Protein backbone atom coordinates (compact mmCIF):
# COMPACT_ATOMS: atom_id res chain seq x y z
CA UNK A 1 -9.08 -9.71 27.89
CA UNK A 2 -9.80 -8.69 24.31
CA UNK A 3 -7.87 -10.10 21.36
CA UNK A 4 -6.34 -6.69 20.52
CA UNK A 5 -5.02 -6.27 24.06
CA UNK A 6 -3.63 -9.81 24.03
CA UNK A 7 -1.83 -9.18 20.74
CA UNK A 8 -0.48 -5.82 21.87
CA UNK A 9 0.79 -7.08 25.22
CA UNK A 10 2.05 -10.40 23.91
CA UNK A 11 0.17 -12.33 26.59
CA UNK A 12 0.45 -16.12 26.51
CA UNK A 13 -3.16 -16.53 25.39
CA UNK A 14 -2.32 -15.68 21.76
CA UNK A 15 1.08 -16.04 20.21
CA UNK A 16 2.49 -13.08 18.34
CA UNK A 17 3.27 -15.32 15.36
CA UNK A 18 -0.45 -16.07 14.97
CA UNK A 19 -1.19 -12.37 15.10
CA UNK A 20 1.47 -11.69 12.45
CA UNK A 21 0.06 -14.38 10.18
CA UNK A 22 -3.40 -12.91 10.52
CA UNK A 23 -2.23 -9.47 9.45
CA UNK A 24 -0.13 -10.88 6.61
CA UNK A 25 -3.11 -12.90 5.43
CA UNK A 26 -5.32 -9.85 5.56
CA UNK A 27 -2.74 -7.80 3.65
CA UNK A 28 -2.60 -10.51 0.99
CA UNK A 29 -6.39 -10.48 0.61
CA UNK A 30 -6.46 -6.68 0.39
CA UNK A 31 -3.72 -6.63 -2.27
CA UNK A 32 -5.45 -9.40 -4.21
CA UNK A 33 -8.72 -7.46 -4.07
CA UNK A 34 -7.10 -4.24 -5.27
CA UNK A 35 -5.26 -6.10 -8.05
CA UNK A 36 -8.50 -7.69 -9.22
CA UNK A 37 -10.24 -4.34 -9.11
CA UNK A 38 -7.43 -2.74 -11.14
CA UNK A 39 -7.63 -5.49 -13.77
CA UNK A 40 -11.43 -5.10 -14.00
CA UNK A 41 -11.09 -1.33 -14.39
CA UNK A 42 -8.47 -1.75 -17.13
CA UNK A 43 -10.82 -4.07 -19.05
CA UNK A 44 -13.70 -1.60 -18.58
CA UNK A 45 -11.49 1.30 -19.72
CA UNK A 46 -10.56 -0.61 -22.86
CA UNK A 47 -14.25 -0.85 -23.78
CA UNK A 48 -15.23 2.74 -22.99
CA UNK A 49 -14.64 5.49 -25.51
CA UNK A 50 -15.92 7.06 -28.67
CA UNK A 51 -16.15 3.63 -30.23
CA UNK A 52 -17.61 1.63 -27.38
CA UNK A 53 -17.34 -2.12 -27.45
CA UNK A 54 -19.10 -4.79 -25.47
CA UNK A 55 -17.49 -7.68 -23.65
CA UNK A 56 -18.44 -10.13 -26.40
CA UNK A 57 -16.58 -8.14 -29.07
CA UNK A 58 -13.64 -7.58 -26.73
CA UNK A 59 -13.21 -11.27 -25.91
CA UNK A 60 -13.77 -12.33 -29.54
CA UNK A 61 -10.89 -10.01 -30.49
CA UNK A 62 -8.66 -11.32 -27.70
CA UNK A 63 -9.34 -14.98 -28.55
CA UNK A 64 -9.11 -14.45 -32.33
CA UNK A 65 -12.75 -15.08 -33.26
CA UNK A 66 -13.43 -11.64 -34.80
CA UNK A 67 -13.57 -11.07 -38.56
CA UNK A 68 -10.38 -9.79 -40.20
CA UNK A 69 -11.72 -6.27 -40.85
CA UNK A 70 -13.13 -5.93 -37.33
CA UNK A 71 -9.98 -7.39 -35.82
CA UNK A 72 -7.76 -4.87 -37.62
CA UNK A 73 -9.96 -1.92 -36.61
CA UNK A 74 -10.29 -2.98 -32.97
CA UNK A 75 -6.63 -3.91 -32.82
CA UNK A 76 -5.72 -0.33 -33.74
CA UNK A 77 -8.19 1.14 -31.27
CA UNK A 78 -7.32 -1.16 -28.37
CA UNK A 79 -3.61 -1.73 -28.65
CA UNK A 80 -2.42 1.45 -30.33
CA UNK A 81 -4.66 4.05 -28.70
CA UNK A 82 -6.35 2.89 -25.52
CA UNK A 83 -3.94 0.40 -23.96
CA UNK A 84 -0.85 2.70 -23.98
CA UNK A 85 -2.89 5.43 -22.30
CA UNK A 86 -4.27 3.04 -19.70
CA UNK A 87 -0.82 1.63 -18.94
CA UNK A 88 0.56 5.17 -18.63
CA UNK A 89 -2.26 6.10 -16.25
CA UNK A 90 -1.62 3.03 -14.08
CA UNK A 91 2.15 3.64 -13.97
CA UNK A 92 1.78 7.35 -13.24
CA UNK A 93 -0.74 6.64 -10.49
CA UNK A 94 1.56 4.03 -8.96
CA UNK A 95 4.55 6.38 -9.06
CA UNK A 96 2.53 9.17 -7.42
CA UNK A 97 1.44 6.75 -4.70
CA UNK A 98 5.05 5.72 -4.07
CA UNK A 99 6.14 9.36 -3.98
CA UNK A 100 3.41 10.23 -1.49
CA UNK A 101 4.21 7.23 0.68
CA UNK A 102 7.91 8.12 0.69
CA UNK A 103 7.12 11.68 1.79
CA UNK A 104 4.89 10.36 4.54
CA UNK A 105 7.52 7.85 5.67
CA UNK A 106 10.36 10.39 5.56
CA UNK A 107 8.51 12.94 7.67
CA UNK A 108 6.71 10.29 9.78
CA UNK A 109 3.50 12.19 9.11
CA UNK A 110 0.49 10.79 7.23
CA UNK A 111 -0.43 14.32 6.11
CA UNK A 112 2.93 15.10 4.45
CA UNK A 113 2.73 16.51 0.94
CA UNK A 114 5.06 17.93 -1.74
CA UNK A 115 4.47 21.39 -0.28
CA UNK A 116 6.72 20.55 2.67
CA UNK A 117 9.98 20.66 0.70
CA UNK A 118 8.87 23.29 -1.78
CA UNK A 119 8.64 20.81 -4.67
CA UNK A 120 5.24 22.02 -5.77
CA UNK A 121 6.23 25.68 -5.89
CA UNK A 122 9.48 24.89 -7.72
CA UNK A 123 7.69 22.69 -10.26
CA UNK A 124 5.01 25.37 -10.81
CA UNK A 125 7.70 27.96 -11.44
CA UNK A 126 9.49 25.62 -13.87
CA UNK A 127 6.27 24.92 -15.77
CA UNK A 128 5.43 28.62 -16.02
CA UNK A 129 8.96 29.42 -17.17
CA UNK A 130 8.79 26.65 -19.79
CA UNK A 131 5.47 27.97 -21.11
CA UNK A 132 6.89 31.47 -21.28
CA UNK A 133 10.11 30.46 -23.07
CA UNK A 134 8.62 28.22 -25.71
CA UNK A 135 5.73 26.11 -26.83
CA UNK A 136 7.53 22.76 -26.69
CA UNK A 137 5.93 20.39 -24.19
CA UNK A 138 9.32 18.73 -23.73
CA UNK A 139 10.82 22.01 -22.52
CA UNK A 140 7.92 22.55 -20.12
CA UNK A 141 8.29 19.04 -18.67
CA UNK A 142 12.06 19.35 -18.39
CA UNK A 143 11.95 22.70 -16.59
CA UNK A 144 9.20 21.44 -14.28
CA UNK A 145 11.39 18.50 -13.30
CA UNK A 146 14.56 20.60 -12.92
CA UNK A 147 12.98 23.32 -10.80
CA UNK A 148 11.19 20.74 -8.62
CA UNK A 149 14.61 19.28 -7.83
CA UNK A 150 16.06 22.76 -7.41
CA UNK A 151 13.45 23.52 -4.75
CA UNK A 152 14.41 20.36 -2.87
CA UNK A 153 18.06 21.39 -3.24
CA UNK A 154 17.30 24.77 -1.68
CA UNK A 155 15.43 23.10 1.19
CA UNK A 156 18.20 20.57 1.87
CA UNK A 157 20.85 23.29 1.50
CA UNK A 158 19.11 25.48 4.06
CA UNK A 159 18.75 22.52 6.43
CA UNK A 160 22.41 21.55 6.12
CA UNK A 161 23.58 25.13 6.51
CA UNK A 162 22.10 25.46 10.00
CA UNK A 163 22.25 21.84 11.18
CA UNK A 164 24.32 22.29 14.35
CA UNK A 165 22.40 21.70 17.56
CA UNK A 166 18.95 21.56 15.95
CA UNK A 167 16.43 18.96 14.88
CA UNK A 168 17.32 18.09 11.25
CA UNK A 169 13.70 17.26 10.31
CA UNK A 170 12.49 20.63 11.59
CA UNK A 171 15.25 22.38 9.65
CA UNK A 172 14.28 20.48 6.49
CA UNK A 173 10.67 21.57 6.87
CA UNK A 174 11.70 25.18 7.47
CA UNK A 175 14.02 25.00 4.46
CA UNK A 176 11.06 23.72 2.44
CA UNK A 177 8.97 26.66 3.58
CA UNK A 178 11.76 29.01 2.48
CA UNK A 179 12.07 27.24 -0.90
CA UNK A 180 8.31 27.38 -1.39
CA UNK A 181 8.28 31.10 -0.59
CA UNK A 182 11.19 31.76 -2.95
CA UNK A 183 9.68 29.93 -5.91
CA UNK A 184 6.20 31.30 -5.24
CA UNK A 185 7.68 34.80 -5.31
CA UNK A 186 9.48 34.02 -8.56
CA UNK A 187 6.24 32.69 -9.99
CA UNK A 188 4.43 35.90 -9.06
CA UNK A 189 6.91 38.09 -10.94
């Protein structure tokens, strides 16, 4: 009997606790590997740019061995320009991953996307409306956010309106299709 079959059936040959520890250990190694890779990429991204810097200069700045003029210049480049952008990129990527995972968990479908609830169409309409109304990036971002939520509100409203005797997940998906069609039509106007 193979190890996978023994773990799945819970046969006495292998305890399920051992199987759980193996998967937890593997998860820990995978997370450690991805964390190390992220840290290495952040360090590489700090050194890449118009004013490239090698590892020696980078570590001499970090450990305080650079000259005062070089330290002030690199301090401005690293900590005032590059590092905030890198941190923003990491945080935005993490939030998009959490949003995608929550969609996939909510719909119990690994292929779920923001199209299902009409979020993408609502956000596109909000962005287009913001660009039409003014040139402020804050207005564009605000309307994108508001109309993304409005599309979800339309989808949930449609699902709750016809919820008697039907599958609520199916009604939510159909409400999302209706919201996506509505906001896509508004975008086309």
